[in-house]
Protein backbone atom coordinates (compact mmCIF):
# COMPACT_ATOMS: atom_id res chain seq x y z
CA UNK A 1 91.88 90.85 95.22
CA UNK A 2 90.24 91.40 91.75
CA UNK A 3 87.60 94.19 93.06
CA UNK A 4 90.92 95.94 94.41
CA UNK A 5 92.28 95.63 90.89
CA UNK A 6 88.92 97.09 89.48
CA UNK A 7 89.14 99.97 91.32
CA UNK A 8 92.72 100.91 90.25
CA UNK A 9 94.74 99.48 93.01
CA UNK A 10 98.24 98.79 92.53
CA UNK A 11 98.87 95.07 93.99
CA UNK A 12 102.58 95.48 94.63
CA UNK A 13 102.74 92.84 96.58
CA UNK A 14 101.29 89.34 97.42
CA UNK A 15 102.13 87.63 100.86
CA UNK A 16 101.45 84.13 101.72
CA UNK A 17 103.35 81.36 103.47
CA UNK A 18 102.24 79.02 100.40
CA UNK A 19 104.48 79.34 97.55
CA UNK A 20 101.85 77.83 95.62
CA UNK A 21 99.39 80.41 96.54
CA UNK A 22 102.04 83.32 96.08
CA UNK A 23 102.13 81.70 92.24
CA UNK A 24 98.44 81.74 91.87
CA UNK A 25 98.16 85.40 93.24
CA UNK A 26 100.72 86.50 90.61
CA UNK A 27 98.97 84.41 87.73
CA UNK A 28 95.63 85.81 88.49
CA UNK A 29 96.91 89.66 88.41
CA UNK A 30 98.68 88.75 85.31
CA UNK A 31 95.54 87.40 83.93
CA UNK A 32 93.42 90.62 84.76
CA UNK A 33 96.09 92.94 83.18
CA UNK A 34 95.92 90.47 79.96
CA UNK A 35 92.17 90.35 79.82
CA UNK A 36 92.19 93.29 77.24
CA UNK A 37 89.86 95.79 79.16
CA UNK A 38 92.82 97.35 81.18
CA UNK A 39 94.10 100.08 79.46
CA UNK A 40 97.35 100.66 81.92
CA UNK A 41 100.12 98.52 81.74
CA UNK A 42 101.08 95.63 84.11
CA UNK A 43 103.17 97.47 87.03
CA UNK A 44 104.64 93.94 88.26
CA UNK A 45 103.92 92.45 91.74
CA UNK A 46 106.41 91.31 93.99
CA UNK A 47 105.74 88.10 97.00
CA UNK A 48 106.98 87.25 100.16
CA UNK A 49 106.11 84.72 102.71
CA UNK A 50 106.57 86.98 105.96
CA UNK A 51 103.67 89.59 106.00
CA UNK A 52 106.10 92.04 108.37
CA UNK A 53 108.18 92.54 105.02
CA UNK A 54 104.93 93.99 103.56
CA UNK A 55 104.25 96.45 106.67
CA UNK A 56 107.85 97.50 106.71
CA UNK A 57 107.92 98.89 103.18
CA UNK A 58 107.42 102.55 102.57
CA UNK A 59 105.69 101.88 99.11
CA UNK A 60 102.98 100.17 100.81
CA UNK A 61 99.90 102.38 101.89
CA UNK A 62 97.57 99.71 102.28
CA UNK A 63 97.16 96.28 103.17
CA UNK A 64 94.31 93.54 102.89
CA UNK A 65 94.33 90.74 105.16
CA UNK A 66 92.86 87.49 104.51
CA UNK A 67 94.60 85.43 106.89
CA UNK A 68 92.45 82.50 108.85
CA UNK A 69 90.46 83.72 111.72
CA UNK A 70 92.82 83.16 114.33
CA UNK A 71 95.61 85.56 112.56
CA UNK A 72 93.94 88.45 111.97
CA UNK A 73 94.98 90.18 115.11
CA UNK A 74 98.90 90.31 114.79
CA UNK A 75 99.04 91.94 111.11
CA UNK A 76 96.32 94.14 111.76
CA UNK A 77 97.93 95.57 114.85
CA UNK A 78 101.34 95.85 113.37
CA UNK A 79 99.71 97.26 110.14
CA UNK A 80 98.11 100.03 112.67
CA UNK A 81 101.43 100.38 114.25
CA UNK A 82 103.17 101.26 110.70
CA UNK A 83 100.01 103.75 109.56
CA UNK A 84 98.96 101.33 106.81
CA UNK A 85 94.97 101.53 105.79
CA UNK A 86 93.99 98.37 106.28
CA UNK A 87 90.90 96.09 104.82
CA UNK A 88 90.64 93.03 106.78
CA UNK A 89 87.93 90.20 106.57
CA UNK A 90 85.76 89.37 109.53
CA UNK A 91 86.48 88.76 112.59
CA UNK A 92 88.89 91.29 113.36
CA UNK A 93 90.46 89.10 116.17
CA UNK A 94 89.68 85.81 117.80
CA UNK A 95 88.79 87.22 121.23
CA UNK A 96 87.05 90.37 122.42
CA UNK A 97 90.51 90.83 124.47
CA UNK A 98 92.20 90.97 121.18
CA UNK A 99 89.87 93.10 119.43
C-alpha cells in the first residue's frame, strides 16, 4: 500500500474482514500523510469488511488484492467483471482451472 501511496494513488477504501487490520491500514495511511514529505492533504479513507462493496463503487478505478492464496480468484473475477484495474499478489488462482 505504501508503494501505491508513493505513486500518488488515493487509497479510497481499505477492505479486510478483520477490523483490527482495517484500523492498522488507516493508521498507516495517516502516518504516510503526516510524515511531512507529502504536500497534498489527507483525502480520507473508508473501510469495509466486504470486498463486494468496494467493487460495486463507481468511484473506485482499481483494486489491490492481497488476500490468502485460496481467496484470490473470486475477488479478481468480480473486479474484472466490474471493469476495475487489478493488482493482485500471486498466485492469481489456487488451481489452473480457476485461473
